[in-house]
Amino acid sequence: MPPPQERGQINLTAIAVILGLIVTGVWVWKRLSPDTQTSIIDQAIPIAAGTVAVGLLLLFLIRTFRRRFAQRRERDRLITAFQQEPSQSKKLDLSFALIEKNAYRAKGLDAIASELKVLWESTLRQALGDKQHRIRGMAASHLGVLQDLSVVPLLINALEDDHPYVRACAALGLGRLRATDAKPQLEQMAKEDWDQSVRSRCREALDRMP
């Protein structure tokens, strides 16, 4: 990277070049015949505008493709690391990172979905105590990502957790699953839970259900 003084000189040069092009363009335009100016306005400008629009669309599509390709590549890297990691605690960290990288979707996780389910179920059951509320809550919300209704009873039980973060995450997981079996509990908690974030998550979950 050039030093600040050189960057300032480069910026001044760029401004001078742009101003020179503008002045030159105005000078050339004034010397064109009226018929030529009309022709440019009627034909060349729409063609140029269309070309710019197509170019911007292609640029957007290319950037979107590259971003998705990079996302899939990172997801595959995390999946490989998850499968090879012997430590359960590190596997849990990798699983959370993987779900975030995959934009909280189950697509592309088929190869490890059953292992993720077992890991998060055991975390929700065994990571007890106030100090572990965060990983317990994340496990609850991520179970909803897998779209496996067999975890609904476990998430309903998690609605009774002592920590509000876990209760809110369990509501989020049930909302992702559109688990209508949990409607009575969610409706009650949306009115009666002492924590505002829990009540809000319960209402959001109910809004996602038919």
Protein backbone atom coordinates (compact mmCIF):
# COMPACT_ATOMS: atom_id res chain seq x y z
CA MET A 1 0.00 0.00 0.00
CA PRO A 2 1.46 3.43 -0.97
CA PRO A 3 2.16 5.94 1.79
CA PRO A 4 -0.49 8.62 2.58
CA GLN A 5 1.35 11.31 0.59
CA GLU A 6 1.44 9.14 -2.54
CA ARG A 7 -2.20 8.13 -2.10
CA GLY A 8 -3.14 11.82 -1.97
CA GLN A 9 -1.25 12.46 -5.21
CA ILE A 10 -2.96 9.49 -6.86
CA ASN A 11 -6.38 10.80 -5.81
CA LEU A 12 -5.62 14.28 -7.18
CA THR A 13 -4.44 12.76 -10.44
CA ALA A 14 -7.60 10.68 -10.75
CA ILE A 15 -9.78 13.74 -10.09
CA ALA A 16 -7.85 15.72 -12.71
CA VAL A 17 -8.29 12.93 -15.27
CA ILE A 18 -12.04 12.72 -14.61
CA LEU A 19 -12.47 16.48 -14.90
CA GLY A 20 -10.44 16.44 -18.13
CA LEU A 21 -12.68 13.74 -19.60
CA ILE A 22 -15.80 15.70 -18.65
CA VAL A 23 -14.50 18.91 -20.19
CA THR A 24 -13.43 17.05 -23.34
CA GLY A 25 -16.81 15.35 -23.61
CA VAL A 26 -18.67 18.67 -23.32
CA TRP A 27 -16.36 20.25 -25.87
CA VAL A 28 -16.90 17.43 -28.37
CA TRP A 29 -20.67 17.38 -27.78
CA LYS A 30 -21.05 21.10 -28.53
CA ARG A 31 -19.29 20.62 -31.87
CA LEU A 32 -21.54 17.83 -33.07
CA SER A 33 -24.33 18.64 -35.52
CA PRO A 34 -27.92 18.64 -34.19
CA ASP A 35 -28.70 15.52 -36.25
CA THR A 36 -25.74 13.68 -34.73
CA GLN A 37 -26.72 14.73 -31.23
CA THR A 38 -30.30 13.53 -31.84
CA SER A 39 -29.03 10.21 -33.18
CA ILE A 40 -26.83 9.70 -30.13
CA ILE A 41 -29.69 10.53 -27.77
CA ASP A 42 -32.18 8.27 -29.61
CA GLN A 43 -29.90 5.28 -30.25
CA ALA A 44 -26.50 5.29 -28.61
CA ILE A 45 -27.60 6.28 -25.10
CA PRO A 46 -30.31 3.55 -24.79
CA ILE A 47 -27.83 0.96 -26.11
CA ALA A 48 -25.19 2.13 -23.64
CA ALA A 49 -27.71 2.11 -20.78
CA GLY A 50 -28.79 -1.41 -21.71
CA THR A 51 -25.18 -2.54 -21.88
CA VAL A 52 -24.47 -1.08 -18.45
CA ALA A 53 -27.58 -2.75 -17.02
CA VAL A 54 -26.59 -6.14 -18.46
CA GLY A 55 -23.05 -5.66 -17.19
CA LEU A 56 -24.27 -4.86 -13.67
CA LEU A 57 -26.59 -7.88 -13.72
CA LEU A 58 -23.74 -10.16 -14.80
CA LEU A 59 -21.50 -8.68 -12.11
CA PHE A 60 -24.19 -9.32 -9.49
CA LEU A 61 -24.66 -12.92 -10.67
CA ILE A 62 -20.92 -13.57 -10.68
CA ARG A 63 -20.48 -12.16 -7.18
CA THR A 64 -23.46 -14.17 -5.93
CA PHE A 65 -22.07 -17.37 -7.47
CA ARG A 66 -18.63 -16.75 -6.00
CA ARG A 67 -20.08 -16.04 -2.56
CA ARG A 68 -22.16 -19.23 -2.64
CA PHE A 69 -19.22 -21.26 -3.92
CA ALA A 70 -17.04 -19.96 -1.10
CA GLN A 71 -19.82 -20.70 1.40
CA ARG A 72 -20.19 -24.30 0.15
CA ARG A 73 -16.44 -24.81 0.20
CA GLU A 74 -16.22 -23.58 3.80
CA ARG A 75 -19.21 -25.73 4.74
CA ASP A 76 -17.55 -28.81 3.26
CA ARG A 77 -14.34 -27.99 5.11
CA LEU A 78 -16.22 -27.75 8.40
CA ILE A 79 -18.07 -31.01 7.70
CA THR A 80 -14.76 -32.80 7.12
CA ALA A 81 -13.29 -31.28 10.28
CA PHE A 82 -16.42 -32.28 12.24
CA GLN A 83 -16.23 -35.88 11.02
CA GLN A 84 -12.54 -36.18 11.88
CA GLU A 85 -12.61 -34.43 15.26
CA PRO A 86 -12.35 -36.91 18.19
CA SER A 87 -13.13 -34.40 20.94
CA GLN A 88 -16.84 -33.99 21.69
CA SER A 89 -16.45 -30.43 22.95
CA LYS A 90 -14.63 -29.40 19.77
CA LYS A 91 -17.18 -31.24 17.64
CA LEU A 92 -19.86 -29.18 19.36
CA ASP A 93 -18.05 -25.93 18.53
CA LEU A 94 -17.63 -27.08 14.93
CA SER A 95 -21.32 -27.98 14.71
CA PHE A 96 -22.35 -24.49 15.82
CA ALA A 97 -19.95 -22.88 13.33
CA LEU A 98 -21.24 -25.18 10.60
CA ILE A 99 -24.88 -24.25 11.13
CA GLU A 100 -24.03 -20.56 11.11
CA LYS A 101 -21.98 -20.93 7.92
CA ASN A 102 -24.84 -22.84 6.31
CA ALA A 103 -27.24 -19.96 7.08
CA TYR A 104 -29.26 -22.08 9.55
CA ARG A 105 -30.45 -24.49 6.84
CA ALA A 106 -30.41 -28.28 6.71
CA LYS A 107 -29.55 -28.37 3.01
CA GLY A 108 -26.14 -29.92 2.40
CA LEU A 109 -25.89 -31.51 5.85
CA ASP A 110 -27.41 -34.90 5.01
CA ALA A 111 -24.12 -36.76 5.57
CA ILE A 112 -23.88 -35.70 9.21
CA ALA A 113 -27.49 -34.86 10.12
CA SER A 114 -27.95 -37.92 12.32
CA GLU A 115 -24.66 -37.25 14.12
CA LEU A 116 -25.60 -33.61 14.67
CA LYS A 117 -28.94 -34.69 16.10
CA VAL A 118 -27.33 -37.09 18.58
CA LEU A 119 -24.73 -34.50 19.60
CA TRP A 120 -27.26 -31.73 20.21
CA GLU A 121 -29.70 -34.03 21.98
CA SER A 122 -27.00 -35.20 24.39
CA THR A 123 -25.85 -31.61 24.92
CA LEU A 124 -29.37 -30.48 25.74
CA ARG A 125 -29.78 -33.31 28.23
CA GLN A 126 -26.33 -33.29 29.82
CA ALA A 127 -25.02 -29.70 29.69
CA LEU A 128 -26.79 -28.83 32.91
CA GLY A 129 -26.40 -25.83 35.17
CA ASP A 130 -26.48 -22.10 34.70
CA LYS A 131 -22.90 -21.90 33.42
CA GLN A 132 -23.71 -24.10 30.41
CA HIS A 133 -26.97 -22.41 29.47
CA ARG A 134 -25.57 -20.98 26.23
CA ILE A 135 -24.50 -24.26 24.65
CA ARG A 136 -27.70 -25.89 25.92
CA GLY A 137 -29.76 -23.18 24.28
CA MET A 138 -27.83 -23.29 21.00
CA ALA A 139 -28.31 -27.06 20.87
CA ALA A 140 -32.05 -26.57 21.34
CA SER A 141 -32.42 -23.97 18.60
CA HIS A 142 -30.18 -25.89 16.16
CA LEU A 143 -32.21 -29.07 16.60
CA GLY A 144 -34.99 -27.21 14.84
CA VAL A 145 -32.76 -26.62 11.82
CA LEU A 146 -32.61 -30.36 11.06
CA GLN A 147 -36.39 -30.54 10.44
CA ASP A 148 -36.71 -33.81 12.39
CA LEU A 149 -39.96 -33.87 14.34
CA SER A 150 -38.74 -36.65 16.60
CA VAL A 151 -36.99 -34.01 18.75
CA VAL A 152 -40.22 -32.12 19.51
CA PRO A 153 -40.80 -33.79 22.93
CA LEU A 154 -37.27 -32.93 24.00
CA LEU A 155 -37.72 -29.29 22.96
CA ILE A 156 -41.06 -29.11 24.75
CA ASN A 157 -39.29 -30.27 27.91
CA ALA A 158 -36.65 -27.59 27.31
CA LEU A 159 -39.40 -24.96 27.52
CA GLU A 160 -39.33 -25.63 31.26
CA ASP A 161 -35.59 -24.96 31.62
CA ASP A 162 -34.60 -22.69 34.52
CA HIS A 163 -32.68 -20.33 32.24
CA PRO A 164 -34.68 -17.98 29.98
CA TYR A 165 -32.10 -18.21 27.19
CA VAL A 166 -32.70 -21.95 26.90
CA ARG A 167 -36.47 -21.51 26.96
CA ALA A 168 -36.26 -18.89 24.22
CA CYS A 169 -34.01 -21.12 22.10
CA ALA A 170 -36.33 -24.08 22.58
CA ALA A 171 -39.22 -21.93 21.34
CA LEU A 172 -37.09 -20.92 18.35
CA GLY A 173 -36.35 -24.57 17.58
CA LEU A 174 -40.05 -25.48 17.81
CA GLY A 175 -40.90 -22.59 15.52
CA ARG A 176 -38.39 -23.80 12.94
CA LEU A 177 -40.04 -27.22 13.10
CA ARG A 178 -43.55 -25.71 12.95
CA ALA A 179 -44.31 -28.15 15.75
CA THR A 180 -48.05 -27.77 16.26
CA ASP A 181 -47.91 -30.24 19.17
CA ALA A 182 -46.19 -27.51 21.17
CA LYS A 183 -48.88 -24.89 20.57
CA PRO A 184 -50.54 -25.12 24.00
CA GLN A 185 -47.24 -24.66 25.87
CA LEU A 186 -46.10 -21.86 23.57
CA GLU A 187 -49.40 -20.02 23.86
CA GLN A 188 -49.26 -20.20 27.65
CA MET A 189 -45.64 -19.05 27.81
CA ALA A 190 -46.28 -16.25 25.34
CA LYS A 191 -48.61 -14.79 27.97
CA GLU A 192 -47.15 -15.87 31.29
CA ASP A 193 -43.36 -16.29 31.11
CA TRP A 194 -41.63 -13.62 33.19
CA ASP A 195 -38.90 -13.08 30.57
CA GLN A 196 -39.75 -10.77 27.66
CA SER A 197 -37.40 -12.49 25.20
CA VAL A 198 -39.04 -15.85 25.93
CA ARG A 199 -42.52 -14.41 25.36
CA SER A 200 -41.34 -12.86 22.10
CA ARG A 201 -39.78 -16.10 20.84
CA CYS A 202 -42.94 -18.01 21.69
CA ARG A 203 -45.06 -15.57 19.69
CA GLU A 204 -42.65 -15.82 16.76
CA ALA A 205 -42.84 -19.62 16.90
CA LEU A 206 -46.64 -19.52 16.92
CA ASP A 207 -46.66 -17.17 13.93
CA ARG A 208 -44.72 -19.76 11.91
CA MET A 209 -47.25 -22.51 12.57
CA PRO A 210 -50.34 -23.22 10.45
